[in-house]
Protein backbone atom coordinates (compact mmCIF):
# COMPACT_ATOMS: atom_id res chain seq x y z
CA MET A 1 113.26 80.39 125.91
CA SER A 2 112.17 83.95 125.15
CA ALA A 3 110.11 85.90 127.68
CA GLN A 4 106.37 86.17 127.18
CA PRO A 5 105.47 89.44 125.43
CA ASP A 6 103.72 92.17 127.39
CA LEU A 7 100.62 92.89 125.31
CA LEU A 8 99.24 95.54 127.65
CA TYR A 9 99.26 99.11 126.38
CA SER A 10 102.13 101.22 127.70
CA GLU A 11 101.64 104.72 129.09
CA GLU A 12 103.09 106.13 125.89
CA GLU A 13 100.68 104.10 123.78
CA GLU A 14 97.71 105.25 125.86
CA ALA A 15 98.85 108.86 125.52
CA LEU A 16 99.11 108.39 121.76
CA ARG A 17 95.62 106.87 121.69
CA SER A 18 94.21 109.83 123.63
CA ALA A 19 95.80 112.37 121.28
CA VAL A 20 94.59 110.60 118.13
CA ARG A 21 91.08 110.09 119.54
CA ASP A 22 90.85 113.78 120.49
CA LEU A 23 91.92 114.84 117.00
CA LEU A 24 89.45 112.49 115.33
CA GLY A 25 86.69 113.61 117.69
CA ASP A 26 87.23 117.18 116.52
CA HIS A 27 87.79 116.55 112.80
CA CYS A 28 86.20 113.22 111.82
CA ASP A 29 82.54 113.22 112.81
CA ALA A 30 80.24 110.56 111.38
CA ALA A 31 78.12 113.05 109.44
CA GLY A 32 81.19 114.37 107.65
CA VAL A 33 82.40 110.87 106.77
CA ILE A 34 78.98 109.98 105.35
CA THR A 35 78.85 113.20 103.32
CA ARG A 36 82.29 112.50 101.87
CA ALA A 37 81.36 108.91 101.07
CA GLU A 38 78.29 110.12 99.15
CA SER A 39 80.34 112.72 97.27
CA GLY A 40 82.51 110.14 95.52
CA ALA A 41 85.68 111.80 96.89
CA PRO A 42 85.96 110.27 100.34
CA HIS A 43 89.59 111.05 101.20
CA ASP A 44 89.84 113.72 103.88
CA LEU A 45 93.18 115.27 103.00
CA ALA A 46 92.87 117.98 105.65
CA LEU A 47 92.56 115.27 108.30
CA TRP A 48 95.47 113.42 106.71
CA LYS A 49 97.58 116.57 106.98
CA SER A 50 96.72 116.91 110.67
CA LEU A 51 97.60 113.28 111.36
CA ALA A 52 100.68 113.08 109.16
CA ASP A 53 102.19 116.55 109.29
CA GLY A 54 100.77 117.90 112.54
CA MET A 55 101.26 114.76 114.67
CA GLY A 56 104.02 113.05 112.67
CA LEU A 57 102.11 109.77 112.45
CA ALA A 58 102.92 109.03 108.80
CA GLY A 59 106.54 108.38 109.77
CA LEU A 60 106.07 106.15 112.81
CA LEU A 61 107.81 103.19 111.13
CA VAL A 62 110.53 105.31 109.50
CA PRO A 63 113.88 105.72 111.32
CA GLU A 64 114.56 109.11 112.86
CA ALA A 65 117.62 109.55 110.65
CA LEU A 66 115.31 109.59 107.63
CA GLY A 67 112.84 112.06 109.10
CA GLY A 68 110.51 109.60 110.79
CA GLN A 69 109.64 108.84 114.39
CA GLY A 70 111.53 105.55 114.75
CA ALA A 71 108.59 103.96 116.56
CA THR A 72 107.31 100.38 116.33
CA HIS A 73 104.34 98.47 114.98
CA ARG A 74 102.76 98.61 118.42
CA GLU A 75 102.33 102.38 118.17
CA VAL A 76 101.05 102.08 114.61
CA ALA A 77 98.52 99.52 115.84
CA VAL A 78 97.16 102.01 118.39
CA VAL A 79 96.73 104.62 115.65
CA LEU A 80 94.92 102.10 113.44
CA GLU A 81 92.58 101.14 116.30
CA GLU A 82 91.49 104.75 116.58
CA LEU A 83 91.20 105.22 112.82
CA GLY A 84 89.02 102.10 112.76
CA ARG A 85 86.83 103.46 115.54
CA ALA A 86 86.21 106.55 113.40
CA VAL A 87 86.22 104.78 109.97
CA ALA A 88 88.51 107.67 109.09
CA PRO A 89 88.77 108.15 105.29
CA VAL A 90 92.55 108.64 105.20
CA PRO A 91 95.20 106.54 103.37
CA TYR A 92 97.07 105.69 106.57
CA LEU A 93 97.21 101.91 106.25
CA THR A 94 98.08 102.06 102.57
CA SER A 95 100.73 104.81 102.76
CA ALA A 96 102.17 104.84 106.30
CA VAL A 97 102.20 101.04 106.58
CA VAL A 98 102.03 99.17 103.26
CA ALA A 99 103.98 101.54 100.99
CA THR A 100 106.37 102.43 103.81
CA GLU A 101 107.14 98.77 104.58
CA ALA A 102 107.84 98.12 100.90
CA LEU A 103 110.24 101.06 100.83
CA LEU A 104 111.94 99.88 104.03
CA ALA A 105 112.56 96.54 102.32
CA CYS A 106 114.05 98.37 99.33
CA GLY A 107 116.02 100.89 101.39
CA ASP A 108 114.90 103.89 99.35
CA GLU A 109 115.78 106.70 101.75
CA GLU A 110 114.58 109.59 99.58
CA LEU A 111 111.06 108.22 99.15
CA LEU A 112 110.89 107.10 102.78
CA GLY A 113 111.62 110.65 103.89
CA ARG A 114 108.89 112.00 101.66
CA LEU A 115 106.31 109.51 102.93
CA ALA A 116 107.39 110.09 106.54
CA SER A 117 106.62 113.80 106.20
CA GLY A 118 103.09 113.02 105.04
CA ARG A 119 103.41 115.47 102.18
CA THR A 120 103.72 112.55 99.75
CA ILE A 121 101.17 109.72 99.81
CA GLY A 122 102.28 106.34 98.54
CA ALA A 123 100.38 103.24 97.42
CA LEU A 124 101.65 99.76 96.65
CA ALA A 125 100.05 98.83 93.33
CA VAL A 126 98.82 95.34 94.19
CA GLY A 127 95.24 94.26 94.80
CA LEU A 128 93.82 94.91 98.26
CA HIS A 129 92.67 91.28 98.42
CA LEU A 130 96.14 89.72 98.20
CA ALA A 131 97.39 87.75 101.18
CA PRO A 132 101.02 87.73 102.33
CA GLY A 133 103.00 85.30 100.21
CA ALA A 134 100.41 85.20 97.41
CA ALA A 135 101.47 85.60 93.79
CA PHE A 136 100.89 89.12 92.54
CA PRO A 137 100.49 90.47 89.00
CA ALA A 138 103.24 92.52 87.42
CA VAL A 139 103.19 94.97 84.53
CA ARG A 140 105.34 94.73 81.41
CA LEU A 141 108.68 96.53 81.15
CA GLU A 142 109.45 97.51 77.55
CA GLY A 143 112.14 99.93 76.49
CA GLY A 144 112.47 101.27 80.00
CA CYS A 145 108.73 102.07 80.22
CA LEU A 146 105.92 100.29 82.05
CA HIS A 147 102.81 98.92 80.34
CA GLY A 148 99.83 97.12 81.84
CA GLU A 149 96.90 97.22 84.20
CA LEU A 150 96.56 96.49 87.92
CA THR A 151 93.19 96.22 89.64
CA GLY A 152 91.81 96.59 93.14
CA VAL A 153 94.51 99.02 94.28
CA ALA A 154 93.39 100.68 97.51
CA ASP A 155 93.67 104.48 97.84
CA ALA A 156 95.28 104.82 94.40
CA ALA A 157 93.22 107.97 93.83
CA ALA A 158 94.94 109.72 96.74
CA ALA A 159 98.47 108.57 95.94
CA ASP A 160 101.23 110.86 94.70
CA VAL A 161 103.52 107.92 93.94
CA LEU A 162 102.71 104.29 93.16
CA LEU A 163 105.06 101.38 93.79
CA VAL A 164 104.56 99.10 90.79
CA PRO A 165 105.86 95.51 90.38
CA ALA A 166 107.22 94.76 86.91
CA ASP A 167 107.92 91.53 85.06
CA ASP A 168 111.69 91.94 85.41
CA GLY A 169 111.28 91.32 89.14
CA GLY A 170 111.74 94.95 90.08
CA LEU A 171 109.59 97.36 92.06
CA TYR A 172 109.27 100.75 90.37
CA ALA A 173 108.32 104.14 91.80
CA VAL A 174 105.90 105.81 89.39
CA ALA A 175 104.55 109.34 89.76
CA ALA A 176 100.76 109.54 89.83
CA GLU A 177 100.66 111.78 86.77
CA GLU A 178 102.24 108.95 84.74
CA VAL A 179 99.23 106.63 85.21
CA SER A 180 95.46 106.63 84.76
CA VAL A 181 93.43 105.80 87.87
CA ILE A 182 89.90 104.50 87.17
CA PRO A 183 87.63 104.05 90.21
CA GLN A 184 86.10 100.63 90.83
CA VAL A 185 82.93 99.88 92.77
CA SER A 186 83.71 99.12 96.41
CA LEU A 187 81.39 98.20 99.27
CA ASP A 188 83.51 100.30 101.62
CA LEU A 189 83.17 103.86 100.36
CA THR A 190 85.73 105.13 102.90
CA ARG A 191 88.61 103.13 101.33
CA PRO A 192 88.13 103.29 97.56
CA VAL A 193 89.86 100.93 95.14
CA ALA A 194 90.78 101.56 91.55
CA ARG A 195 92.26 100.19 88.34
CA VAL A 196 95.69 101.58 87.56
CA LEU A 197 96.55 101.79 83.85
CA LEU A 198 100.13 102.24 82.68
CA ASP A 199 100.75 103.06 79.03
CA GLY A 200 104.44 103.80 78.62
CA ALA A 201 104.82 105.14 82.16
CA ALA A 202 108.25 106.19 83.32
CA GLY A 203 109.40 104.59 86.56
CA ARG A 204 112.48 104.38 88.75
CA ARG A 205 113.54 100.94 89.95
CA ILE A 206 113.85 101.03 93.73
CA GLY A 207 114.43 97.35 94.54
CA ASP A 208 113.22 93.79 94.16
CA ALA A 209 109.45 93.39 94.13
CA GLU A 210 109.02 89.96 95.75
CA PRO A 211 110.59 90.59 99.19
CA ALA A 212 109.18 94.13 99.32
CA VAL A 213 105.61 93.05 98.53
CA ARG A 214 105.83 90.08 100.91
CA ARG A 215 107.03 92.28 103.78
CA ALA A 216 104.44 94.97 103.07
CA LEU A 217 101.50 92.55 102.91
CA ARG A 218 102.56 90.73 106.09
CA ALA A 219 102.65 94.00 108.04
CA ALA A 220 99.35 95.05 106.44
CA ALA A 221 97.61 91.82 107.45
CA GLY A 222 98.95 91.97 110.99
CA LEU A 223 98.06 95.61 111.59
CA LEU A 224 94.71 95.35 109.83
CA ALA A 225 93.61 93.33 112.86
CA SER A 226 94.00 96.48 114.96
CA GLU A 227 91.79 98.44 112.58
CA GLN A 228 89.23 95.62 112.76
CA LEU A 229 89.47 95.79 116.56
CA GLY A 230 88.67 99.51 116.45
CA VAL A 231 85.68 98.91 114.17
CA ALA A 232 84.33 96.11 116.39
CA ASP A 233 84.95 98.01 119.63
CA TRP A 234 83.04 101.06 118.38
CA ALA A 235 80.15 98.88 117.22
CA LEU A 236 79.89 97.09 120.56
CA THR A 237 80.22 100.27 122.64
CA GLU A 238 77.58 102.11 120.63
CA THR A 239 75.21 99.13 120.74
CA VAL A 240 75.48 98.87 124.53
CA ARG A 241 74.82 102.61 124.82
CA HIS A 242 71.80 102.37 122.51
CA LEU A 243 70.29 99.43 124.40
CA LYS A 244 70.66 101.24 127.71
CA GLU A 245 68.83 104.29 126.38
CA ARG A 246 66.15 102.74 124.15
CA LYS A 247 63.05 101.52 126.01
CA GLN A 248 60.39 98.97 125.18
CA PHE A 249 57.49 98.02 127.46
CA ASN A 250 58.82 100.75 129.73
CA ARG A 251 62.13 98.91 130.20
CA PRO A 252 65.57 99.59 128.69
CA LEU A 253 66.21 97.12 125.87
CA GLY A 254 69.50 96.22 127.51
CA GLY A 255 67.60 94.78 130.45
CA PHE A 256 66.22 91.86 128.43
CA GLN A 257 68.07 88.65 129.20
CA ALA A 258 68.34 87.43 125.63
CA LEU A 259 70.02 90.68 124.56
CA LYS A 260 72.37 90.56 127.55
CA HIS A 261 73.52 87.12 126.41
CA ARG A 262 74.16 88.36 122.86
CA LEU A 263 76.15 91.35 124.14
CA ALA A 264 78.17 89.19 126.53
CA GLN A 265 79.17 86.88 123.68
CA LEU A 266 80.20 89.85 121.53
CA TRP A 267 82.23 91.30 124.40
CA LEU A 268 84.16 88.04 124.80
CA GLU A 269 84.93 87.96 121.09
CA VAL A 270 86.14 91.58 121.08
CA VAL A 271 88.39 90.89 124.08
CA ASN A 272 89.90 87.91 122.25
CA LEU A 273 90.29 90.02 119.12
CA ARG A 274 92.20 92.61 121.14
CA ALA A 275 94.61 89.92 122.34
CA ALA A 276 95.14 88.59 118.81
CA ALA A 277 95.67 92.08 117.36
CA ARG A 278 98.10 93.07 120.10
CA ALA A 279 100.03 89.84 119.63
CA ALA A 280 100.36 90.50 115.89
CA ALA A 281 101.60 94.06 116.45
CA ASP A 282 104.12 92.82 119.03
CA ALA A 283 105.31 90.01 116.75
CA LEU A 284 105.87 92.49 113.91
CA THR A 285 107.87 94.63 116.35
CA THR A 286 110.07 91.82 117.72
CA GLY A 287 110.27 89.59 114.66
CA GLU A 288 109.39 86.50 116.72
CA ASP A 289 106.89 83.99 115.26
CA THR A 290 105.64 86.78 113.01
CA ASP A 291 104.08 84.74 110.20
CA LEU A 292 102.29 82.46 112.65
CA THR A 293 100.98 85.27 114.87
CA VAL A 294 99.80 87.37 111.92
CA ALA A 295 97.95 84.36 110.47
CA VAL A 296 96.25 83.71 113.83
CA ALA A 297 95.20 87.37 114.12
CA GLN A 298 93.68 87.55 110.66
CA ALA A 299 92.02 84.15 110.87
CA TYR A 300 90.20 85.42 113.96
CA ALA A 301 89.76 89.15 113.33
CA ALA A 302 87.74 89.21 110.12
CA PRO A 303 84.75 87.08 111.21
CA VAL A 304 84.58 88.79 114.61
CA ALA A 305 84.52 92.31 113.16
CA VAL A 306 81.81 91.29 110.69
CA ARG A 307 79.71 89.53 113.33
CA VAL A 308 79.90 92.44 115.81
CA THR A 309 78.93 95.04 113.20
CA GLU A 310 76.10 92.85 111.88
CA GLU A 311 74.76 92.48 115.42
CA ALA A 312 75.14 96.23 115.95
CA LEU A 313 72.97 96.89 112.93
CA GLN A 314 70.30 94.41 114.05
CA LEU A 315 70.27 95.57 117.67
CA HIS A 316 69.87 99.16 116.54
CA GLY A 317 66.63 98.03 114.91
CA GLY A 318 67.84 96.79 111.53
CA ILE A 319 68.57 100.29 110.19
CA GLY A 320 70.74 99.04 107.37
CA MET A 321 69.29 101.41 104.79
CA THR A 322 69.36 104.46 107.04
CA TRP A 323 72.35 106.41 105.77
CA GLU A 324 71.99 109.06 108.45
CA HIS A 325 73.23 106.57 111.07
CA PRO A 326 76.92 105.62 110.84
CA VAL A 327 76.52 101.91 111.70
CA HIS A 328 76.38 100.99 108.00
CA LEU A 329 79.85 102.50 107.50
CA TYR A 330 81.27 100.13 110.11
CA LEU A 331 79.55 97.08 108.66
CA LYS A 332 80.84 97.93 105.19
CA ARG A 333 84.38 98.51 106.49
CA ALA A 334 84.26 95.21 108.38
CA LYS A 335 83.00 93.37 105.30
CA ALA A 336 85.64 94.93 103.04
CA ASP A 337 88.39 94.29 105.60
CA SER A 338 87.33 90.63 105.76
CA ILE A 339 88.75 90.09 102.26
CA ALA A 340 91.62 92.60 102.53
CA TYR A 341 95.17 91.17 102.67
CA GLY A 342 93.79 87.64 102.58
CA THR A 343 90.53 86.11 103.75
CA ALA A 344 90.22 84.33 107.08
CA GLY A 345 90.20 81.06 105.15
CA ALA A 346 93.45 81.90 103.39
CA HIS A 347 95.07 82.71 106.73
CA ARG A 348 93.77 79.48 108.26
CA GLU A 349 95.39 77.57 105.39
CA ALA A 350 98.64 79.44 105.98
CA LEU A 351 98.38 78.73 109.69
CA ALA A 352 97.88 75.00 109.07
CA ALA A 353 100.99 74.91 106.90
CA LEU A 354 103.05 76.87 109.44
CA ALA A 355 101.94 74.58 112.26
CA ASP A 356 102.44 71.48 110.08
CA ILE A 357 98.79 70.47 110.41
CA PRO A 358 97.62 68.35 107.45
CA SER A 359 94.49 69.46 105.64
CA PRO A 360 91.41 67.20 106.02
């Protein structure tokens, strides 16, 4: 029988958290994120450069021999927690996790080195809503060129290279200048999605699409729980702070028993979310019970992150239309994340099948 995993944060992970939080505190303030979201060009490429090039975080999952850090999913999870706490508008999940995992499955060392440096941003050209194991659309391969349209591709506008599944079963690396990227409306303005049009695009086959996409989406779903944890943790912390400071009838709002009960329930759910997210990151690292643990994490994470951010909005006084306050960014990220890489319902169905539980 294998030993129980240690889900506590190591000293190295806490040091990494501190460094990332300090950087985000200096370069990713809420006012700046809101301004970028309103501008229609939300990606903060200067912040991405600091994270990827300055701190080497884009290559955490890439072996040292290929220019990466040779770290594990546990360290990536800590980074994503902090990025979630700041709703940082950078393509970290899509490039440093999803595209990188697909390339690791394919073994493309040249592209892995480029993504690890952070100077090239990658995006897997499948819809953000797709769950691990789900069927995914592929474009047409004719005469060595790619033709077709893919929708709901996250962070396509920031990508330098897109990894495109084709109908011959291959995954193709396509330079951004070979495709047309058309923005789509997204609730979460900090992680834009787009249609990707290919009309005779040149591409280089880098491997088989099915195992690469499956691996990438599994890692994405598992590590998304850590981003959702960061979003929920910020929302709860800020709500507690607000209720301690805001007074009504000459008493702090946090002193009212009914609000204490609501906060206590949210705290319990965030603690459980932390356990689920840590377990998913550890399972991705060790390879033990990975599908099951990822399904558990996502089945739990999405509704908790949405509920905590909804409560945060209400307990701040229902300021949902007040763009000057950042709470709406967190609610929108939580809502968008709740359908990213599979809904909670899809993961519950997967979990039932994995645990051999018959459907009602």
